[in-house]
């Protein structure tokens, strides 16, 4: 077994949702493509850079003239709520979460709460005690407030948290919060995140407790490490 972070101990674990614990990429693309076509836009031109951001901020960034951002965001949410086809867990995510103490982990997502809960259920993943969603912060990722909020609710210092992320906006938010980061590459890989420790999924990851310190380290099967580096 390899100690992924070379002896660093963590007191809390924070997870992005889409692309990190579950994949909803195809469902989301279907909705955004239909929506974008109404405005003569090609969703594939902006979705890669929009991943991990809140819907309202994505729409605002497109600078569409005379658009009602709130109305359009509600339209997209409603469409996503009924399209769960293909939503599934990232390999090993359910087992990994079940091994964590319930009061030591949270999900931090840019999705609205209703959509987050629907997708977690569709993927067969547990609802966490602490779920920080789009409604819980004034500014979405890459602003760090979402991860700072989760850390505070868990009673952990941000620098003692390990964040699992898949998107540049989320990684930027985690680093700005002062947390450690591991990137999940099962759904997609971003070249700009290559400097960070990564894992394809959770099958070969587990946590090891330090009972005296009430903290945990993250270890990985060395066979998986060998596959990643050959």
C-alpha atoms as a PDB file:
ATOM      1  CA  UNK A   1       0.000   0.000   0.000  1.00  0.00           C
ATOM      2  CA  UNK A   2       1.149   3.531  -0.745  1.00  0.00           C
ATOM      3  CA  UNK A   3       0.436   6.483   1.541  1.00  0.00           C
ATOM      4  CA  UNK A   4      -0.928   8.846  -1.110  1.00  0.00           C
ATOM      5  CA  UNK A   5      -0.065  12.071   0.713  1.00  0.00           C
ATOM      6  CA  UNK A   6       3.164  10.932   2.392  1.00  0.00           C
ATOM      7  CA  UNK A   7       2.052  10.914   6.005  1.00  0.00           C
ATOM      8  CA  UNK A   8      -0.396  13.824   5.871  1.00  0.00           C
ATOM      9  CA  UNK A   9      -3.354  13.218   8.177  1.00  0.00           C
ATOM     10  CA  UNK A  10      -6.866  14.496   7.459  1.00  0.00           C
ATOM     11  CA  UNK A  11      -9.725  15.248   9.812  1.00  0.00           C
ATOM     12  CA  UNK A  12     -12.433  15.624   7.147  1.00  0.00           C
ATOM     13  CA  UNK A  13     -13.179  14.664   3.545  1.00  0.00           C
ATOM     14  CA  UNK A  14     -15.045  16.896   1.099  1.00  0.00           C
ATOM     15  CA  UNK A  15     -16.422  15.586  -2.195  1.00  0.00           C
ATOM     16  CA  UNK A  16     -17.618  17.319  -5.305  1.00  0.00           C
ATOM     17  CA  UNK A  17     -20.537  15.364  -6.790  1.00  0.00           C
ATOM     18  CA  UNK A  18     -20.854  15.377 -10.603  1.00  0.00           C
ATOM     19  CA  UNK A  19     -17.796  13.793 -12.180  1.00  0.00           C
ATOM     20  CA  UNK A  20     -16.332  12.980  -8.770  1.00  0.00           C
ATOM     21  CA  UNK A  21     -18.770  10.675  -6.960  1.00  0.00           C
ATOM     22  CA  UNK A  22     -21.097  10.048  -9.869  1.00  0.00           C
ATOM     23  CA  UNK A  23     -21.272  10.649 -13.576  1.00  0.00           C
ATOM     24  CA  UNK A  24     -24.176  12.565 -15.064  1.00  0.00           C
ATOM     25  CA  UNK A  25     -22.268  13.922 -18.041  1.00  0.00           C
ATOM     26  CA  UNK A  26     -24.459  12.539 -20.803  1.00  0.00           C
ATOM     27  CA  UNK A  27     -27.712  13.550 -19.101  1.00  0.00           C
ATOM     28  CA  UNK A  28     -26.386  17.049 -18.503  1.00  0.00           C
ATOM     29  CA  UNK A  29     -25.112  17.381 -22.072  1.00  0.00           C
ATOM     30  CA  UNK A  30     -28.498  16.398 -23.465  1.00  0.00           C
ATOM     31  CA  UNK A  31     -30.223  19.124 -21.459  1.00  0.00           C
ATOM     32  CA  UNK A  32     -27.668  21.839 -22.189  1.00  0.00           C
ATOM     33  CA  UNK A  33     -27.556  21.049 -25.916  1.00  0.00           C
ATOM     34  CA  UNK A  34     -31.333  21.373 -26.222  1.00  0.00           C
ATOM     35  CA  UNK A  35     -31.293  24.603 -24.247  1.00  0.00           C
ATOM     36  CA  UNK A  36     -28.358  26.142 -26.138  1.00  0.00           C
ATOM     37  CA  UNK A  37     -29.928  25.365 -29.526  1.00  0.00           C
ATOM     38  CA  UNK A  38     -32.787  27.742 -28.685  1.00  0.00           C
ATOM     39  CA  UNK A  39     -30.267  30.589 -28.705  1.00  0.00           C
ATOM     40  CA  UNK A  40     -28.258  29.407 -31.689  1.00  0.00           C
ATOM     41  CA  UNK A  41     -25.399  28.246 -29.457  1.00  0.00           C
ATOM     42  CA  UNK A  42     -23.295  25.105 -29.580  1.00  0.00           C
ATOM     43  CA  UNK A  43     -23.174  23.768 -26.026  1.00  0.00           C
ATOM     44  CA  UNK A  44     -20.018  21.785 -26.742  1.00  0.00           C
ATOM     45  CA  UNK A  45     -18.097  25.047 -27.121  1.00  0.00           C
ATOM     46  CA  UNK A  46     -18.751  26.214 -23.547  1.00  0.00           C
ATOM     47  CA  UNK A  47     -19.550  23.116 -21.488  1.00  0.00           C
ATOM     48  CA  UNK A  48     -15.919  21.973 -21.008  1.00  0.00           C
ATOM     49  CA  UNK A  49     -14.988  25.223 -19.257  1.00  0.00           C
ATOM     50  CA  UNK A  50     -18.325  25.429 -17.444  1.00  0.00           C
ATOM     51  CA  UNK A  51     -18.007  22.122 -15.629  1.00  0.00           C
ATOM     52  CA  UNK A  52     -18.190  22.525 -11.867  1.00  0.00           C
ATOM     53  CA  UNK A  53     -19.847  25.943 -12.034  1.00  0.00           C
ATOM     54  CA  UNK A  54     -23.379  26.878 -10.982  1.00  0.00           C
ATOM     55  CA  UNK A  55     -25.984  27.061 -13.738  1.00  0.00           C
ATOM     56  CA  UNK A  56     -26.731  30.751 -13.196  1.00  0.00           C
ATOM     57  CA  UNK A  57     -23.054  31.649 -13.537  1.00  0.00           C
ATOM     58  CA  UNK A  58     -22.695  29.596 -16.717  1.00  0.00           C
ATOM     59  CA  UNK A  59     -25.696  31.333 -18.288  1.00  0.00           C
ATOM     60  CA  UNK A  60     -24.502  34.770 -17.182  1.00  0.00           C
ATOM     61  CA  UNK A  61     -21.075  34.125 -18.673  1.00  0.00           C
ATOM     62  CA  UNK A  62     -22.590  33.479 -22.096  1.00  0.00           C
ATOM     63  CA  UNK A  63     -23.709  37.149 -22.334  1.00  0.00           C
ATOM     64  CA  UNK A  64     -26.930  36.356 -24.191  1.00  0.00           C
ATOM     65  CA  UNK A  65     -28.825  39.621 -24.830  1.00  0.00           C
ATOM     66  CA  UNK A  66     -32.104  40.253 -22.975  1.00  0.00           C
ATOM     67  CA  UNK A  67     -32.068  36.901 -21.210  1.00  0.00           C
ATOM     68  CA  UNK A  68     -33.866  36.193 -17.937  1.00  0.00           C
ATOM     69  CA  UNK A  69     -31.147  34.239 -16.126  1.00  0.00           C
ATOM     70  CA  UNK A  70     -33.391  33.031 -13.307  1.00  0.00           C
ATOM     71  CA  UNK A  71     -36.053  31.750 -15.696  1.00  0.00           C
ATOM     72  CA  UNK A  72     -33.519  29.944 -17.875  1.00  0.00           C
ATOM     73  CA  UNK A  73     -31.820  28.412 -14.845  1.00  0.00           C
ATOM     74  CA  UNK A  74     -35.179  27.082 -13.677  1.00  0.00           C
ATOM     75  CA  UNK A  75     -35.811  25.632 -17.138  1.00  0.00           C
ATOM     76  CA  UNK A  76     -32.485  23.783 -17.087  1.00  0.00           C
ATOM     77  CA  UNK A  77     -33.060  22.521 -13.531  1.00  0.00           C
ATOM     78  CA  UNK A  78     -36.515  21.204 -14.423  1.00  0.00           C
ATOM     79  CA  UNK A  79     -35.124  19.411 -17.485  1.00  0.00           C
ATOM     80  CA  UNK A  80     -32.245  17.881 -15.524  1.00  0.00           C
ATOM     81  CA  UNK A  81     -34.576  16.695 -12.770  1.00  0.00           C
ATOM     82  CA  UNK A  82     -36.406  14.404 -15.189  1.00  0.00           C
ATOM     83  CA  UNK A  83     -33.354  13.129 -17.097  1.00  0.00           C
ATOM     84  CA  UNK A  84     -31.511  10.606 -14.924  1.00  0.00           C
ATOM     85  CA  UNK A  85     -30.708   8.208 -17.744  1.00  0.00           C
ATOM     86  CA  UNK A  86     -27.106   7.062 -17.388  1.00  0.00           C
ATOM     87  CA  UNK A  87     -26.502   8.636 -13.977  1.00  0.00           C
ATOM     88  CA  UNK A  88     -24.273   6.184 -12.085  1.00  0.00           C
ATOM     89  CA  UNK A  89     -21.637   6.067  -9.384  1.00  0.00           C
ATOM     90  CA  UNK A  90     -17.939   6.432 -10.056  1.00  0.00           C
ATOM     91  CA  UNK A  91     -16.306   3.033  -9.488  1.00  0.00           C
ATOM     92  CA  UNK A  92     -16.037   2.245  -5.777  1.00  0.00           C
ATOM     93  CA  UNK A  93     -17.596   5.496  -4.574  1.00  0.00           C
ATOM     94  CA  UNK A  94     -20.430   3.932  -2.561  1.00  0.00           C
ATOM     95  CA  UNK A  95     -18.136   1.564  -0.680  1.00  0.00           C
ATOM     96  CA  UNK A  96     -15.574   4.303  -0.042  1.00  0.00           C
ATOM     97  CA  UNK A  97     -18.213   6.632   1.413  1.00  0.00           C
ATOM     98  CA  UNK A  98     -19.664   3.889   3.588  1.00  0.00           C
ATOM     99  CA  UNK A  99     -16.231   3.366   5.148  1.00  0.00           C
ATOM    100  CA  UNK A 100     -15.979   7.012   6.243  1.00  0.00           C
ATOM    101  CA  UNK A 101     -17.284   8.190   9.628  1.00  0.00           C
ATOM    102  CA  UNK A 102     -20.639   9.853   8.904  1.00  0.00           C
ATOM    103  CA  UNK A 103     -19.632  13.045  10.704  1.00  0.00           C
ATOM    104  CA  UNK A 104     -16.318  13.411   8.857  1.00  0.00           C
ATOM    105  CA  UNK A 105     -17.407  13.884   5.254  1.00  0.00           C
ATOM    106  CA  UNK A 106     -19.573  16.213   3.188  1.00  0.00           C
ATOM    107  CA  UNK A 107     -20.601  16.760  -0.415  1.00  0.00           C
ATOM    108  CA  UNK A 108     -19.943  20.193  -1.917  1.00  0.00           C
ATOM    109  CA  UNK A 109     -21.672  20.642  -5.257  1.00  0.00           C
ATOM    110  CA  UNK A 110     -22.599  23.435  -7.644  1.00  0.00           C
ATOM    111  CA  UNK A 111     -25.904  21.697  -8.316  1.00  0.00           C
ATOM    112  CA  UNK A 112     -29.129  22.888  -6.658  1.00  0.00           C
ATOM    113  CA  UNK A 113     -30.147  20.786  -3.643  1.00  0.00           C
ATOM    114  CA  UNK A 114     -33.142  19.099  -5.311  1.00  0.00           C
ATOM    115  CA  UNK A 115     -31.065  18.014  -8.290  1.00  0.00           C
ATOM    116  CA  UNK A 116     -28.172  16.849  -6.090  1.00  0.00           C
ATOM    117  CA  UNK A 117     -30.450  14.651  -4.005  1.00  0.00           C
ATOM    118  CA  UNK A 118     -32.084  13.160  -7.115  1.00  0.00           C
ATOM    119  CA  UNK A 119     -28.759  12.332  -8.742  1.00  0.00           C
ATOM    120  CA  UNK A 120     -27.321  10.802  -5.576  1.00  0.00           C
ATOM    121  CA  UNK A 121     -30.349   8.545  -5.262  1.00  0.00           C
ATOM    122  CA  UNK A 122     -30.207   7.648  -8.967  1.00  0.00           C
ATOM    123  CA  UNK A 123     -26.546   6.653  -8.573  1.00  0.00           C
ATOM    124  CA  UNK A 124     -27.257   4.619  -5.424  1.00  0.00           C
ATOM    125  CA  UNK A 125     -25.110   6.843  -3.216  1.00  0.00           C
ATOM    126  CA  UNK A 126     -25.914   7.863   0.365  1.00  0.00           C
ATOM    127  CA  UNK A 127     -27.118  11.339   1.229  1.00  0.00           C
ATOM    128  CA  UNK A 128     -24.550  12.954   3.520  1.00  0.00           C
ATOM    129  CA  UNK A 129     -25.318  14.663   6.796  1.00  0.00           C
ATOM    130  CA  UNK A 130     -23.800  17.813   5.314  1.00  0.00           C
ATOM    131  CA  UNK A 131     -24.637  18.772   1.733  1.00  0.00           C
ATOM    132  CA  UNK A 132     -23.466  22.196   0.542  1.00  0.00           C
ATOM    133  CA  UNK A 133     -25.281  23.144  -2.669  1.00  0.00           C
ATOM    134  CA  UNK A 134     -25.728  26.072  -5.051  1.00  0.00           C
ATOM    135  CA  UNK A 135     -28.255  27.732  -2.740  1.00  0.00           C
ATOM    136  CA  UNK A 136     -25.917  27.723   0.264  1.00  0.00           C
ATOM    137  CA  UNK A 137     -23.315  30.200  -1.004  1.00  0.00           C
ATOM    138  CA  UNK A 138     -23.405  33.609  -2.634  1.00  0.00           C
ATOM    139  CA  UNK A 139     -20.604  32.780  -5.078  1.00  0.00           C
ATOM    140  CA  UNK A 140     -19.972  29.418  -6.669  1.00  0.00           C
ATOM    141  CA  UNK A 141     -16.723  27.669  -7.569  1.00  0.00           C
ATOM    142  CA  UNK A 142     -13.962  28.760  -8.123  1.00  0.00           C
ATOM    143  CA  UNK A 143     -14.807  30.877  -5.078  1.00  0.00           C
ATOM    144  CA  UNK A 144     -13.697  28.895  -1.984  1.00  0.00           C
ATOM    145  CA  UNK A 145     -16.732  29.709   0.182  1.00  0.00           C
ATOM    146  CA  UNK A 146     -18.452  26.373  -0.566  1.00  0.00           C
ATOM    147  CA  UNK A 147     -15.544  24.332   0.806  1.00  0.00           C
ATOM    148  CA  UNK A 148     -15.024  26.731   3.698  1.00  0.00           C
ATOM    149  CA  UNK A 149     -18.702  26.336   4.592  1.00  0.00           C
ATOM    150  CA  UNK A 150     -18.467  22.533   4.572  1.00  0.00           C
ATOM    151  CA  UNK A 151     -15.279  22.521   6.643  1.00  0.00           C
ATOM    152  CA  UNK A 152     -16.847  24.822   9.198  1.00  0.00           C
ATOM    153  CA  UNK A 153     -19.951  22.647   9.472  1.00  0.00           C
ATOM    154  CA  UNK A 154     -17.751  19.604  10.030  1.00  0.00           C
ATOM    155  CA  UNK A 155     -15.729  21.460  12.646  1.00  0.00           C
ATOM    156  CA  UNK A 156     -12.502  21.015  10.674  1.00  0.00           C
ATOM    157  CA  UNK A 157      -9.823  23.465   9.651  1.00  0.00           C
ATOM    158  CA  UNK A 158      -9.663  23.748   5.822  1.00  0.00           C
ATOM    159  CA  UNK A 159      -5.996  22.756   5.787  1.00  0.00           C
ATOM    160  CA  UNK A 160      -6.959  19.489   7.515  1.00  0.00           C
ATOM    161  CA  UNK A 161      -9.462  18.624   4.776  1.00  0.00           C
ATOM    162  CA  UNK A 162      -8.940  16.477   1.702  1.00  0.00           C
ATOM    163  CA  UNK A 163     -11.066  17.539  -1.263  1.00  0.00           C
ATOM    164  CA  UNK A 164     -11.984  15.108  -4.051  1.00  0.00           C
ATOM    165  CA  UNK A 165     -12.632  17.022  -7.285  1.00  0.00           C
ATOM    166  CA  UNK A 166     -12.664  16.565 -11.033  1.00  0.00           C
ATOM    167  CA  UNK A 167     -13.010  20.079 -12.502  1.00  0.00           C
ATOM    168  CA  UNK A 168     -10.619  23.043 -12.698  1.00  0.00           C
ATOM    169  CA  UNK A 169     -13.150  25.398 -11.068  1.00  0.00           C
ATOM    170  CA  UNK A 170     -13.560  23.036  -8.134  1.00  0.00           C
ATOM    171  CA  UNK A 171      -9.839  22.447  -7.713  1.00  0.00           C
ATOM    172  CA  UNK A 172      -9.239  26.214  -7.751  1.00  0.00           C
ATOM    173  CA  UNK A 173     -11.900  26.628  -5.048  1.00  0.00           C
ATOM    174  CA  UNK A 174     -10.361  23.895  -2.899  1.00  0.00           C
ATOM    175  CA  UNK A 175      -6.851  25.314  -3.195  1.00  0.00           C
ATOM    176  CA  UNK A 176      -8.102  28.823  -2.404  1.00  0.00           C
ATOM    177  CA  UNK A 177      -9.736  27.386   0.713  1.00  0.00           C
ATOM    178  CA  UNK A 178      -6.378  25.953   1.781  1.00  0.00           C
ATOM    179  CA  UNK A 179      -7.362  22.280   1.448  1.00  0.00           C
ATOM    180  CA  UNK A 180      -5.464  19.342  -0.011  1.00  0.00           C
ATOM    181  CA  UNK A 181      -6.776  18.018  -3.339  1.00  0.00           C
ATOM    182  CA  UNK A 182      -7.075  14.666  -5.071  1.00  0.00           C
ATOM    183  CA  UNK A 183      -8.510  14.673  -8.580  1.00  0.00           C
ATOM    184  CA  UNK A 184     -10.831  11.940  -9.858  1.00  0.00           C
ATOM    185  CA  UNK A 185     -10.310  11.226 -13.558  1.00  0.00           C
ATOM    186  CA  UNK A 186     -12.969   8.552 -14.211  1.00  0.00           C
ATOM    187  CA  UNK A 187     -15.315  10.925 -16.045  1.00  0.00           C
ATOM    188  CA  UNK A 188     -12.700  13.068 -17.760  1.00  0.00           C
ATOM    189  CA  UNK A 189      -9.141  14.307 -17.410  1.00  0.00           C
ATOM    190  CA  UNK A 190      -8.114  17.981 -17.567  1.00  0.00           C
ATOM    191  CA  UNK A 191      -4.542  18.647 -18.665  1.00  0.00           C
ATOM    192  CA  UNK A 192      -4.278  21.662 -16.381  1.00  0.00           C
ATOM    193  CA  UNK A 193      -4.831  19.422 -13.335  1.00  0.00           C
ATOM    194  CA  UNK A 194      -1.963  17.027 -14.113  1.00  0.00           C
ATOM    195  CA  UNK A 195       0.136  18.406 -11.236  1.00  0.00           C
ATOM    196  CA  UNK A 196      -2.314  17.063  -8.648  1.00  0.00           C
ATOM    197  CA  UNK A 197      -2.494  13.594  -7.141  1.00  0.00           C
ATOM    198  CA  UNK A 198      -5.114  11.664  -9.091  1.00  0.00           C
ATOM    199  CA  UNK A 199      -7.104   8.446  -9.039  1.00  0.00           C
ATOM    200  CA  UNK A 200      -9.358   6.951 -11.682  1.00  0.00           C
ATOM    201  CA  UNK A 201     -11.915   5.942  -9.041  1.00  0.00           C
ATOM    202  CA  UNK A 202     -12.168   4.700  -5.470  1.00  0.00           C
ATOM    203  CA  UNK A 203     -11.738   0.952  -5.835  1.00  0.00           C
ATOM    204  CA  UNK A 204      -8.083   1.007  -4.780  1.00  0.00           C
ATOM    205  CA  UNK A 205      -8.361   3.808  -2.211  1.00  0.00           C
ATOM    206  CA  UNK A 206      -9.054   3.471   1.491  1.00  0.00           C
ATOM    207  CA  UNK A 207      -8.585   5.470   4.653  1.00  0.00           C
ATOM    208  CA  UNK A 208      -6.510   4.365   7.634  1.00  0.00           C
ATOM    209  CA  UNK A 209      -7.396   5.835  11.034  1.00  0.00           C
ATOM    210  CA  UNK A 210      -5.034   7.268  13.610  1.00  0.00           C
ATOM    211  CA  UNK A 211      -7.266   6.764  16.642  1.00  0.00           C
ATOM    212  CA  UNK A 212      -5.195   8.867  19.005  1.00  0.00           C
ATOM    213  CA  UNK A 213      -5.169  11.865  16.674  1.00  0.00           C
ATOM    214  CA  UNK A 214      -8.781  11.431  15.436  1.00  0.00           C
ATOM    215  CA  UNK A 215      -7.479  11.713  11.898  1.00  0.00           C
ATOM    216  CA  UNK A 216      -7.017   9.537   8.833  1.00  0.00           C
ATOM    217  CA  UNK A 217      -4.504   8.989   6.066  1.00  0.00           C
ATOM    218  CA  UNK A 218      -5.343   7.960   2.502  1.00  0.00           C
ATOM    219  CA  UNK A 219      -3.673   4.885   1.069  1.00  0.00           C
ATOM    220  CA  UNK A 220      -3.730   3.306  -2.369  1.00  0.00           C
ATOM    221  CA  UNK A 221      -3.022  -0.170  -3.669  1.00  0.00           C
ATOM    222  CA  UNK A 222       0.479  -0.025  -5.158  1.00  0.00           C
ATOM    223  CA  UNK A 223      -0.643  -2.153  -8.121  1.00  0.00           C
ATOM    224  CA  UNK A 224      -3.024   0.664  -9.066  1.00  0.00           C
ATOM    225  CA  UNK A 225      -0.159   3.146  -8.673  1.00  0.00           C
ATOM    226  CA  UNK A 226       1.981   1.055 -11.002  1.00  0.00           C
ATOM    227  CA  UNK A 227      -0.758   1.047 -13.648  1.00  0.00           C
ATOM    228  CA  UNK A 228      -1.037   4.836 -13.420  1.00  0.00           C
ATOM    229  CA  UNK A 229       2.665   5.415 -13.880  1.00  0.00           C
ATOM    230  CA  UNK A 230       3.543   2.945 -16.627  1.00  0.00           C
END
